[in-house]
PDB file of all heavy atoms in Angstrom:
ATOM      1  N   THR A   1      36.369 -36.339  44.529  1.00  0.00           N
ATOM      2  CA  THR A   1      37.722 -35.835  44.267  1.00  0.00           C
ATOM      3  C   THR A   1      37.993 -35.757  42.768  1.00  0.00           C
ATOM      4  O   THR A   1      38.411 -34.717  42.244  1.00  0.00           O
ATOM      5  CB  THR A   1      38.774 -36.726  44.947  1.00  0.00           C
ATOM      6  OG1 THR A   1      38.512 -36.779  46.350  1.00  0.00           O
ATOM      7  CG2 THR A   1      40.176 -36.184  44.723  1.00  0.00           C
ATOM      8  N   VAL A   2      37.776 -36.862  42.079  1.00  0.00           N
ATOM      9  CA  VAL A   2      37.891 -36.897  40.615  1.00  0.00           C
ATOM     10  C   VAL A   2      36.499 -37.213  40.074  1.00  0.00           C
ATOM     11  O   VAL A   2      35.908 -38.232  40.440  1.00  0.00           O
ATOM     12  CB  VAL A   2      38.902 -37.962  40.144  1.00  0.00           C
ATOM     13  CG1 VAL A   2      38.939 -38.018  38.617  1.00  0.00           C
ATOM     14  CG2 VAL A   2      40.298 -37.659  40.692  1.00  0.00           C
ATOM     15  N   PRO A   3      35.944 -36.348  39.218  1.00  0.00           N
ATOM     16  CA  PRO A   3      34.567 -36.534  38.758  1.00  0.00           C
ATOM     17  C   PRO A   3      34.345 -37.894  38.104  1.00  0.00           C
ATOM     18  O   PRO A   3      35.189 -38.369  37.331  1.00  0.00           O
ATOM     19  CB  PRO A   3      34.372 -35.402  37.736  1.00  0.00           C
ATOM     20  CG  PRO A   3      35.416 -34.390  38.052  1.00  0.00           C
ATOM     21  CD  PRO A   3      36.574 -35.151  38.623  1.00  0.00           C
ATOM     22  N   LEU A   4      33.220 -38.508  38.416  1.00  0.00           N
ATOM     23  CA  LEU A   4      32.853 -39.779  37.806  1.00  0.00           C
ATOM     24  C   LEU A   4      32.830 -39.677  36.280  1.00  0.00           C
ATOM     25  O   LEU A   4      33.163 -40.631  35.573  1.00  0.00           O
ATOM     26  CB  LEU A   4      31.490 -40.226  38.332  1.00  0.00           C
ATOM     27  CG  LEU A   4      30.898 -41.517  37.770  1.00  0.00           C
ATOM     28  CD1 LEU A   4      31.809 -42.701  38.042  1.00  0.00           C
ATOM     29  CD2 LEU A   4      29.513 -41.752  38.367  1.00  0.00           C
ATOM     30  N   ASP A   5      32.450 -38.504  35.761  1.00  0.00           N
ATOM     31  CA  ASP A   5      32.420 -38.316  34.307  1.00  0.00           C
ATOM     32  C   ASP A   5      33.799 -38.500  33.683  1.00  0.00           C
ATOM     33  O   ASP A   5      33.895 -38.743  32.473  1.00  0.00           O
ATOM     34  CB  ASP A   5      31.866 -36.935  33.959  1.00  0.00           C
ATOM     35  CG  ASP A   5      30.345 -36.923  33.900  1.00  0.00           C
ATOM     36  OD1 ASP A   5      29.752 -38.017  33.949  1.00  0.00           O
ATOM     37  OD2 ASP A   5      29.762 -35.831  33.800  1.00  0.00           O
ATOM     38  N   GLY A   6      34.863 -38.363  34.488  1.00  0.00           N
ATOM     39  CA  GLY A   6      36.197 -38.606  33.944  1.00  0.00           C
ATOM     40  C   GLY A   6      36.319 -39.996  33.358  1.00  0.00           C
ATOM     41  O   GLY A   6      36.883 -40.186  32.270  1.00  0.00           O
ATOM     42  N   SER A   7      35.771 -40.992  34.060  1.00  0.00           N
ATOM     43  CA  SER A   7      35.813 -42.368  33.564  1.00  0.00           C
ATOM     44  C   SER A   7      34.711 -42.648  32.557  1.00  0.00           C
ATOM     45  O   SER A   7      34.913 -43.361  31.570  1.00  0.00           O
ATOM     46  CB  SER A   7      35.711 -43.353  34.737  1.00  0.00           C
ATOM     47  OG  SER A   7      36.901 -43.364  35.495  1.00  0.00           O
ATOM     48  N   ARG A   8      33.526 -42.086  32.804  1.00  0.00           N
ATOM     49  CA  ARG A   8      32.421 -42.327  31.870  1.00  0.00           C
ATOM     50  C   ARG A   8      32.726 -41.776  30.479  1.00  0.00           C
ATOM     51  O   ARG A   8      32.478 -42.432  29.466  1.00  0.00           O
ATOM     52  CB  ARG A   8      31.142 -41.707  32.421  1.00  0.00           C
ATOM     53  CG  ARG A   8      30.553 -42.456  33.612  1.00  0.00           C
ATOM     54  CD  ARG A   8      29.280 -41.803  34.113  1.00  0.00           C
ATOM     55  NE  ARG A   8      28.596 -42.610  35.123  1.00  0.00           N
ATOM     56  CZ  ARG A   8      27.475 -42.244  35.727  1.00  0.00           C
ATOM     57  NH1 ARG A   8      26.906 -41.075  35.424  1.00  0.00           N
ATOM     58  NH2 ARG A   8      26.916 -43.030  36.634  1.00  0.00           N
ATOM     59  N   GLU A   9      33.256 -40.560  30.440  1.00  0.00           N
ATOM     60  CA  GLU A   9      33.585 -39.954  29.149  1.00  0.00           C
ATOM     61  C   GLU A   9      34.739 -40.691  28.474  1.00  0.00           C
ATOM     62  O   GLU A   9      34.754 -40.850  27.242  1.00  0.00           O
ATOM     63  CB  GLU A   9      33.923 -38.474  29.329  1.00  0.00           C
ATOM     64  CG  GLU A   9      32.740 -37.608  29.729  1.00  0.00           C
ATOM     65  CD  GLU A   9      31.678 -37.566  28.639  1.00  0.00           C
ATOM     66  OE1 GLU A   9      32.029 -37.572  27.457  1.00  0.00           O
ATOM     67  OE2 GLU A   9      30.479 -37.539  28.995  1.00  0.00           O
ATOM     68  N   ALA A  10      35.717 -41.141  29.268  1.00  0.00           N
ATOM     69  CA  ALA A  10      36.826 -41.911  28.694  1.00  0.00           C
ATOM     70  C   ALA A  10      36.314 -43.214  28.094  1.00  0.00           C
ATOM     71  O   ALA A  10      36.733 -43.623  27.001  1.00  0.00           O
ATOM     72  CB  ALA A  10      37.881 -42.187  29.762  1.00  0.00           C
ATOM     73  N   TYR A  11      35.395 -43.867  28.797  1.00  0.00           N
ATOM     74  CA  TYR A  11      34.808 -45.113  28.294  1.00  0.00           C
ATOM     75  C   TYR A  11      34.118 -44.879  26.951  1.00  0.00           C
ATOM     76  O   TYR A  11      34.336 -45.629  25.988  1.00  0.00           O
ATOM     77  CB  TYR A  11      33.816 -45.660  29.319  1.00  0.00           C
ATOM     78  CG  TYR A  11      32.972 -46.802  28.816  1.00  0.00           C
ATOM     79  CD1 TYR A  11      33.498 -48.076  28.661  1.00  0.00           C
ATOM     80  CD2 TYR A  11      31.630 -46.597  28.476  1.00  0.00           C
ATOM     81  CE1 TYR A  11      32.720 -49.129  28.200  1.00  0.00           C
ATOM     82  CE2 TYR A  11      30.845 -47.638  28.013  1.00  0.00           C
ATOM     83  CZ  TYR A  11      31.392 -48.901  27.876  1.00  0.00           C
ATOM     84  OH  TYR A  11      30.621 -49.935  27.404  1.00  0.00           O
ATOM     85  N   ARG A  12      33.310 -43.829  26.884  1.00  0.00           N
ATOM     86  CA  ARG A  12      32.600 -43.537  25.631  1.00  0.00           C
ATOM     87  C   ARG A  12      33.589 -43.235  24.502  1.00  0.00           C
ATOM     88  O   ARG A  12      33.418 -43.713  23.368  1.00  0.00           O
ATOM     89  CB  ARG A  12      31.655 -42.360  25.841  1.00  0.00           C
ATOM     90  CG  ARG A  12      30.508 -42.630  26.815  1.00  0.00           C
ATOM     91  CD  ARG A  12      29.523 -41.475  26.836  1.00  0.00           C
ATOM     92  NE  ARG A  12      28.490 -41.655  27.859  1.00  0.00           N
ATOM     93  CZ  ARG A  12      28.474 -41.032  29.021  1.00  0.00           C
ATOM     94  NH1 ARG A  12      29.420 -40.149  29.317  1.00  0.00           N
ATOM     95  NH2 ARG A  12      27.509 -41.255  29.895  1.00  0.00           N
ATOM     96  N   ALA A  13      34.612 -42.457  24.801  1.00  0.00           N
ATOM     97  CA  ALA A  13      35.585 -42.089  23.769  1.00  0.00           C
ATOM     98  C   ALA A  13      36.392 -43.299  23.309  1.00  0.00           C
ATOM     99  O   ALA A  13      36.686 -43.450  22.112  1.00  0.00           O
ATOM    100  CB  ALA A  13      36.512 -40.993  24.298  1.00  0.00           C
ATOM    101  N   LEU A  14      36.746 -44.160  24.241  1.00  0.00           N
ATOM    102  CA  LEU A  14      37.497 -45.364  23.879  1.00  0.00           C
ATOM    103  C   LEU A  14      36.652 -46.303  23.023  1.00  0.00           C
ATOM    104  O   LEU A  14      37.142 -46.865  22.026  1.00  0.00           O
ATOM    105  CB  LEU A  14      37.975 -46.074  25.140  1.00  0.00           C
ATOM    106  CG  LEU A  14      39.130 -45.406  25.884  1.00  0.00           C
ATOM    107  CD1 LEU A  14      39.287 -45.998  27.287  1.00  0.00           C
ATOM    108  CD2 LEU A  14      40.431 -45.549  25.111  1.00  0.00           C
ATOM    109  N   ARG A  15      35.395 -46.459  23.384  1.00  0.00           N
ATOM    110  CA  ARG A  15      34.505 -47.297  22.576  1.00  0.00           C
ATOM    111  C   ARG A  15      34.346 -46.718  21.181  1.00  0.00           C
ATOM    112  O   ARG A  15      34.368 -47.449  20.176  1.00  0.00           O
ATOM    113  CB  ARG A  15      33.131 -47.412  23.260  1.00  0.00           C
ATOM    114  CG  ARG A  15      33.115 -48.287  24.501  1.00  0.00           C
ATOM    115  CD  ARG A  15      33.323 -49.757  24.161  1.00  0.00           C
ATOM    116  NE  ARG A  15      32.344 -50.248  23.218  1.00  0.00           N
ATOM    117  CZ  ARG A  15      31.173 -50.778  23.558  1.00  0.00           C
ATOM    118  NH1 ARG A  15      30.845 -50.879  24.836  1.00  0.00           N
ATOM    119  NH2 ARG A  15      30.345 -51.210  22.637  1.00  0.00           N
ATOM    120  N   ALA A  16      34.200 -45.396  21.092  1.00  0.00           N
ATOM    121  CA  ALA A  16      34.056 -44.744  19.792  1.00  0.00           C
ATOM    122  C   ALA A  16      35.322 -44.903  18.953  1.00  0.00           C
ATOM    123  O   ALA A  16      35.251 -44.931  17.717  1.00  0.00           O
ATOM    124  CB  ALA A  16      33.734 -43.262  19.979  1.00  0.00           C
ATOM    125  N   ALA A  17      36.477 -45.016  19.639  1.00  0.00           N
ATOM    126  CA  ALA A  17      37.752 -45.190  18.931  1.00  0.00           C
ATOM    127  C   ALA A  17      37.994 -46.635  18.515  1.00  0.00           C
ATOM    128  O   ALA A  17      38.985 -46.940  17.862  1.00  0.00           O
ATOM    129  CB  ALA A  17      38.897 -44.702  19.814  1.00  0.00           C
ATOM    130  N   GLY A  18      37.091 -47.522  18.915  1.00  0.00           N
ATOM    131  CA  GLY A  18      37.213 -48.924  18.527  1.00  0.00           C
ATOM    132  C   GLY A  18      37.955 -49.790  19.522  1.00  0.00           C
ATOM    133  O   GLY A  18      38.297 -50.936  19.222  1.00  0.00           O
ATOM    134  N   ALA A  19      38.203 -49.260  20.744  1.00  0.00           N
ATOM    135  CA  ALA A  19      38.944 -50.025  21.739  1.00  0.00           C
ATOM    136  C   ALA A  19      38.033 -51.007  22.473  1.00  0.00           C
ATOM    137  O   ALA A  19      36.822 -50.795  22.585  1.00  0.00           O
ATOM    138  CB  ALA A  19      39.600 -49.075  22.746  1.00  0.00           C
ATOM    139  N   GLU A  20      38.636 -52.067  22.974  1.00  0.00           N
ATOM    140  CA  GLU A  20      37.933 -53.038  23.815  1.00  0.00           C
ATOM    141  C   GLU A  20      38.052 -52.555  25.260  1.00  0.00           C
ATOM    142  O   GLU A  20      39.161 -52.440  25.787  1.00  0.00           O
ATOM    143  CB  GLU A  20      38.550 -54.418  23.658  1.00  0.00           C
ATOM    144  CG  GLU A  20      37.852 -55.518  24.440  1.00  0.00           C
ATOM    145  CD  GLU A  20      38.484 -56.875  24.207  1.00  0.00           C
ATOM    146  OE1 GLU A  20      38.788 -57.193  23.041  1.00  0.00           O
ATOM    147  OE2 GLU A  20      38.687 -57.604  25.207  1.00  0.00           O
ATOM    148  N   VAL A  21      36.911 -52.295  25.918  1.00  0.00           N
ATOM    149  CA  VAL A  21      36.920 -51.656  27.237  1.00  0.00           C
ATOM    150  C   VAL A  21      35.985 -52.372  28.202  1.00  0.00           C
ATOM    151  O   VAL A  21      34.826 -52.625  27.877  1.00  0.00           O
ATOM    152  CB  VAL A  21      36.465 -50.173  27.157  1.00  0.00           C
ATOM    153  CG1 VAL A  21      36.802 -49.452  28.461  1.00  0.00           C
ATOM    154  CG2 VAL A  21      37.067 -49.461  25.969  1.00  0.00           C
ATOM    155  N   LYS A  22      36.500 -52.688  29.397  1.00  0.00           N
ATOM    156  CA  LYS A  22      35.681 -53.124  30.523  1.00  0.00           C
ATOM    157  C   LYS A  22      35.471 -51.902  31.406  1.00  0.00           C
ATOM    158  O   LYS A  22      36.403 -51.164  31.686  1.00  0.00           O
ATOM    159  CB  LYS A  22      36.392 -54.210  31.332  1.00  0.00           C
ATOM    160  CG  LYS A  22      36.442 -55.573  30.668  1.00  0.00           C
ATOM    161  CD  LYS A  22      37.349 -56.514  31.453  1.00  0.00           C
ATOM    162  CE  LYS A  22      36.733 -56.995  32.754  1.00  0.00           C
ATOM    163  NZ  LYS A  22      37.084 -56.223  33.943  1.00  0.00           N
ATOM    164  N   TYR A  23      34.243 -51.721  31.868  1.00  0.00           N
ATOM    165  CA  TYR A  23      33.962 -50.574  32.731  1.00  0.00           C
ATOM    166  C   TYR A  23      33.240 -51.045  33.980  1.00  0.00           C
ATOM    167  O   TYR A  23      32.208 -51.716  33.895  1.00  0.00           O
ATOM    168  CB  TYR A  23      33.113 -49.542  31.992  1.00  0.00           C
ATOM    169  CG  TYR A  23      32.786 -48.329  32.829  1.00  0.00           C
ATOM    170  CD1 TYR A  23      33.723 -47.314  33.001  1.00  0.00           C
ATOM    171  CD2 TYR A  23      31.551 -48.212  33.460  1.00  0.00           C
ATOM    172  CE1 TYR A  23      33.427 -46.205  33.783  1.00  0.00           C
ATOM    173  CE2 TYR A  23      31.245 -47.111  34.246  1.00  0.00           C
ATOM    174  CZ  TYR A  23      32.191 -46.113  34.408  1.00  0.00           C
ATOM    175  OH  TYR A  23      31.899 -45.016  35.192  1.00  0.00           O
ATOM    176  N   THR A  24      33.790 -50.687  35.161  1.00  0.00           N
ATOM    177  CA  THR A  24      33.192 -51.090  36.425  1.00  0.00           C
ATOM    178  C   THR A  24      32.988 -49.856  37.290  1.00  0.00           C
ATOM    179  O   THR A  24      33.942 -49.118  37.570  1.00  0.00           O
ATOM    180  CB  THR A  24      34.099 -52.091  37.168  1.00  0.00           C
ATOM    181  OG1 THR A  24      34.376 -53.206  36.324  1.00  0.00           O
ATOM    182  CG2 THR A  24      33.414 -52.576  38.442  1.00  0.00           C
ATOM    183  N   GLU A  25      31.743 -49.657  37.708  1.00  0.00           N
ATOM    184  CA  GLU A  25      31.388 -48.518  38.557  1.00  0.00           C
ATOM    185  C   GLU A  25      30.909 -49.061  39.900  1.00  0.00           C
ATOM    186  O   GLU A  25      30.030 -49.926  39.934  1.00  0.00           O
ATOM    187  CB  GLU A  25      30.289 -47.710  37.879  1.00  0.00           C
ATOM    188  CG  GLU A  25      30.157 -46.285  38.357  1.00  0.00           C
ATOM    189  CD  GLU A  25      29.239 -45.477  37.449  1.00  0.00           C
ATOM    190  OE1 GLU A  25      29.682 -45.095  36.340  1.00  0.00           O
ATOM    191  OE2 GLU A  25      28.078 -45.242  37.850  1.00  0.00           O
ATOM    192  N   PHE A  26      31.498 -48.571  40.983  1.00  0.00           N
ATOM    193  CA  PHE A  26      31.172 -49.075  42.311  1.00  0.00           C
ATOM    194  C   PHE A  26      30.144 -48.164  42.993  1.00  0.00           C
ATOM    195  O   PHE A  26      30.464 -47.017  43.319  1.00  0.00           O
ATOM    196  CB  PHE A  26      32.429 -49.166  43.177  1.00  0.00           C
ATOM    197  CG  PHE A  26      33.480 -50.103  42.632  1.00  0.00           C
ATOM    198  CD1 PHE A  26      34.697 -49.605  42.179  1.00  0.00           C
ATOM    199  CD2 PHE A  26      33.253 -51.474  42.579  1.00  0.00           C
ATOM    200  CE1 PHE A  26      35.664 -50.451  41.685  1.00  0.00           C
ATOM    201  CE2 PHE A  26      34.216 -52.333  42.085  1.00  0.00           C
ATOM    202  CZ  PHE A  26      35.432 -51.825  41.632  1.00  0.00           C
ATOM    203  N   PRO A  27      28.927 -48.639  43.243  1.00  0.00           N
ATOM    204  CA  PRO A  27      27.891 -47.817  43.895  1.00  0.00           C
ATOM    205  C   PRO A  27      28.292 -47.440  45.326  1.00  0.00           C
ATOM    206  O   PRO A  27      28.746 -48.286  46.101  1.00  0.00           O
ATOM    207  CB  PRO A  27      26.650 -48.721  43.901  1.00  0.00           C
ATOM    208  CG  PRO A  27      26.929 -49.765  42.866  1.00  0.00           C
ATOM    209  CD  PRO A  27      28.405 -49.957  42.861  1.00  0.00           C
ATOM    210  N   GLY A  28      28.148 -46.163  45.648  1.00  0.00           N
ATOM    211  CA  GLY A  28      28.405 -45.698  47.002  1.00  0.00           C
ATOM    212  C   GLY A  28      29.853 -45.575  47.392  1.00  0.00           C
ATOM    213  O   GLY A  28      30.170 -45.213  48.532  1.00  0.00           O
ATOM    214  N   VAL A  29      30.765 -45.865  46.486  1.00  0.00           N
ATOM    215  CA  VAL A  29      32.203 -45.808  46.791  1.00  0.00           C
ATOM    216  C   VAL A  29      32.743 -44.434  46.438  1.00  0.00           C
ATOM    217  O   VAL A  29      32.474 -43.911  45.352  1.00  0.00           O
ATOM    218  CB  VAL A  29      32.974 -46.910  46.034  1.00  0.00           C
ATOM    219  CG1 VAL A  29      34.483 -46.746  46.219  1.00  0.00           C
ATOM    220  CG2 VAL A  29      32.532 -48.284  46.508  1.00  0.00           C
ATOM    221  N   ALA A  30      33.530 -43.864  47.351  1.00  0.00           N
ATOM    222  CA  ALA A  30      34.108 -42.536  47.124  1.00  0.00           C
ATOM    223  C   ALA A  30      35.419 -42.675  46.356  1.00  0.00           C
ATOM    224  O   ALA A  30      35.546 -43.535  45.490  1.00  0.00           O
ATOM    225  CB  ALA A  30      34.294 -41.824  48.464  1.00  0.00           C
ATOM    226  N   HIS A  31      36.412 -41.853  46.693  1.00  0.00           N
ATOM    227  CA  HIS A  31      37.617 -41.796  45.857  1.00  0.00           C
ATOM    228  C   HIS A  31      38.478 -43.053  45.940  1.00  0.00           C
ATOM    229  O   HIS A  31      39.191 -43.361  44.991  1.00  0.00           O
ATOM    230  CB  HIS A  31      38.445 -40.569  46.243  1.00  0.00           C
ATOM    231  CG  HIS A  31      39.560 -40.277  45.284  1.00  0.00           C
ATOM    232  ND1 HIS A  31      39.354 -40.168  43.915  1.00  0.00           N
ATOM    233  CD2 HIS A  31      40.893 -40.077  45.481  1.00  0.00           C
ATOM    234  CE1 HIS A  31      40.510 -39.906  43.325  1.00  0.00           C
ATOM    235  NE2 HIS A  31      41.450 -39.851  44.247  1.00  0.00           N
ATOM    236  N   GLY A  32      38.397 -43.777  47.034  1.00  0.00           N
ATOM    237  CA  GLY A  32      39.264 -44.947  47.177  1.00  0.00           C
ATOM    238  C   GLY A  32      38.784 -46.170  46.431  1.00  0.00           C
ATOM    239  O   GLY A  32      38.794 -47.286  46.969  1.00  0.00           O
ATOM    240  N   SER A  33      38.405 -46.012  45.198  1.00  0.00           N
ATOM    241  CA  SER A  33      37.840 -47.138  44.437  1.00  0.00           C
ATOM    242  C   SER A  33      38.887 -48.183  44.075  1.00  0.00           C
ATOM    243  O   SER A  33      38.536 -49.251  43.571  1.00  0.00           O
ATOM    244  CB  SER A  33      37.142 -46.632  43.170  1.00  0.00           C
ATOM    245  OG  SER A  33      37.984 -45.790  42.420  1.00  0.00           O
ATOM    246  N   TRP A  34      40.157 -47.887  44.331  1.00  0.00           N
ATOM    247  CA  TRP A  34      41.182 -48.905  44.085  1.00  0.00           C
ATOM    248  C   TRP A  34      41.013 -50.091  45.037  1.00  0.00           C
ATOM    249  O   TRP A  34      41.377 -51.216  44.675  1.00  0.00           O
ATOM    250  CB  TRP A  34      42.584 -48.307  44.205  1.00  0.00           C
ATOM    251  CG  TRP A  34      42.818 -47.502  45.448  1.00  0.00           C
ATOM    252  CD1 TRP A  34      43.192 -47.962  46.672  1.00  0.00           C
ATOM    253  CD2 TRP A  34      42.684 -46.081  45.572  1.00  0.00           C
ATOM    254  NE1 TRP A  34      43.307 -46.922  47.564  1.00  0.00           N
ATOM    255  CE2 TRP A  34      43.006 -45.752  46.915  1.00  0.00           C
ATOM    256  CE3 TRP A  34      42.329 -45.052  44.689  1.00  0.00           C
ATOM    257  CZ2 TRP A  34      42.980 -44.438  47.395  1.00  0.00           C
ATOM    258  CZ3 TRP A  34      42.300 -43.741  45.167  1.00  0.00           C
ATOM    259  CH2 TRP A  34      42.627 -43.448  46.506  1.00  0.00           C
ATOM    260  N   ASN A  35      40.470 -49.865  46.223  1.00  0.00           N
ATOM    261  CA  ASN A  35      40.307 -50.976  47.176  1.00  0.00           C
ATOM    262  C   ASN A  35      39.354 -52.041  46.646  1.00  0.00           C
ATOM    263  O   ASN A  35      39.727 -53.224  46.567  1.00  0.00           O
ATOM    264  CB  ASN A  35      39.854 -50.444  48.538  1.00  0.00           C
ATOM    265  CG  ASN A  35      40.927 -49.627  49.221  1.00  0.00           C
ATOM    266  OD1 ASN A  35      42.093 -50.017  49.233  1.00  0.00           O
ATOM    267  ND2 ASN A  35      40.555 -48.488  49.779  1.00  0.00           N
ATOM    268  N   PRO A  36      38.122 -51.694  46.241  1.00  0.00           N
ATOM    269  CA  PRO A  36      37.269 -52.739  45.647  1.00  0.00           C
ATOM    270  C   PRO A  36      37.792 -53.221  44.298  1.00  0.00           C
ATOM    271  O   PRO A  36      37.573 -54.382  43.935  1.00  0.00           O
ATOM    272  CB  PRO A  36      35.905 -52.055  45.505  1.00  0.00           C
ATOM    273  CG  PRO A  36      36.179 -50.599  45.521  1.00  0.00           C
ATOM    274  CD  PRO A  36      37.383 -50.429  46.403  1.00  0.00           C
ATOM    275  N   ALA A  37      38.490 -52.356  43.558  1.00  0.00           N
ATOM    276  CA  ALA A  37      39.026 -52.782  42.256  1.00  0.00           C
ATOM    277  C   ALA A  37      40.035 -53.910  42.435  1.00  0.00           C
ATOM    278  O   ALA A  37      39.976 -54.939  41.747  1.00  0.00           O
ATOM    279  CB  ALA A  37      39.671 -51.602  41.538  1.00  0.00           C
ATOM    280  N   PHE A  38      40.976 -53.741  43.382  1.00  0.00           N
ATOM    281  CA  PHE A  38      41.982 -54.773  43.613  1.00  0.00           C
ATOM    282  C   PHE A  38      41.366 -56.063  44.144  1.00  0.00           C
ATOM    283  O   PHE A  38      41.965 -57.134  44.009  1.00  0.00           O
ATOM    284  CB  PHE A  38      43.039 -54.278  44.607  1.00  0.00           C
ATOM    285  CG  PHE A  38      43.854 -53.108  44.116  1.00  0.00           C
ATOM    286  CD1 PHE A  38      44.415 -52.216  45.019  1.00  0.00           C
ATOM    287  CD2 PHE A  38      44.048 -52.890  42.763  1.00  0.00           C
ATOM    288  CE1 PHE A  38      45.166 -51.128  44.589  1.00  0.00           C
ATOM    289  CE2 PHE A  38      44.799 -51.806  42.313  1.00  0.00           C
ATOM    290  CZ  PHE A  38      45.351 -50.922  43.223  1.00  0.00           C
ATOM    291  N   SER A  39      40.178 -55.954  44.741  1.00  0.00           N
ATOM    292  CA  SER A  39      39.514 -57.133  45.304  1.00  0.00           C
ATOM    293  C   SER A  39      38.649 -57.868  44.294  1.00  0.00           C
ATOM    294  O   SER A  39      38.130 -58.948  44.602  1.00  0.00           O
ATOM    295  CB  SER A  39      38.646 -56.724  46.508  1.00  0.00           C
ATOM    296  OG  SER A  39      39.436 -56.167  47.531  1.00  0.00           O
ATOM    297  N   MET A  40      38.479 -57.312  43.116  1.00  0.00           N
ATOM    298  CA  MET A  40      37.671 -57.988  42.098  1.00  0.00           C
ATOM    299  C   MET A  40      38.333 -59.309  41.707  1.00  0.00           C
ATOM    300  O   MET A  40      39.545 -59.352  41.433  1.00  0.00           O
ATOM    301  CB  MET A  40      37.524 -57.098  40.865  1.00  0.00           C
ATOM    302  CG  MET A  40      36.759 -55.810  41.113  1.00  0.00           C
ATOM    303  SD  MET A  40      35.000 -56.082  41.413  1.00  0.00           S
ATOM    304  CE  MET A  40      34.445 -56.480  39.752  1.00  0.00           C
ATOM    305  N   PRO A  41      37.576 -60.402  41.673  1.00  0.00           N
ATOM    306  CA  PRO A  41      38.191 -61.709  41.398  1.00  0.00           C
ATOM    307  C   PRO A  41      38.838 -61.813  40.029  1.00  0.00           C
ATOM    308  O   PRO A  41      39.728 -62.635  39.827  1.00  0.00           O
ATOM    309  CB  PRO A  41      37.014 -62.686  41.542  1.00  0.00           C
ATOM    310  CG  PRO A  41      35.785 -61.860  41.441  1.00  0.00           C
ATOM    311  CD  PRO A  41      36.132 -60.510  41.962  1.00  0.00           C
TER     312      PRO A  41
END
C-alpha cells in the first residue's frame, strides 16, 4: 500500500540531516505494521 522505500528513504535523509533515528522493519508484514509496532516492548 505504501512503498517500503518511503521509510527507508526517510531514514537515510534523517540520518544525513543529523537526526537520531531508530528504524524497525518487520519481515513478511504487510500494511498493518502498526500492530507489531505497538507490541514492541
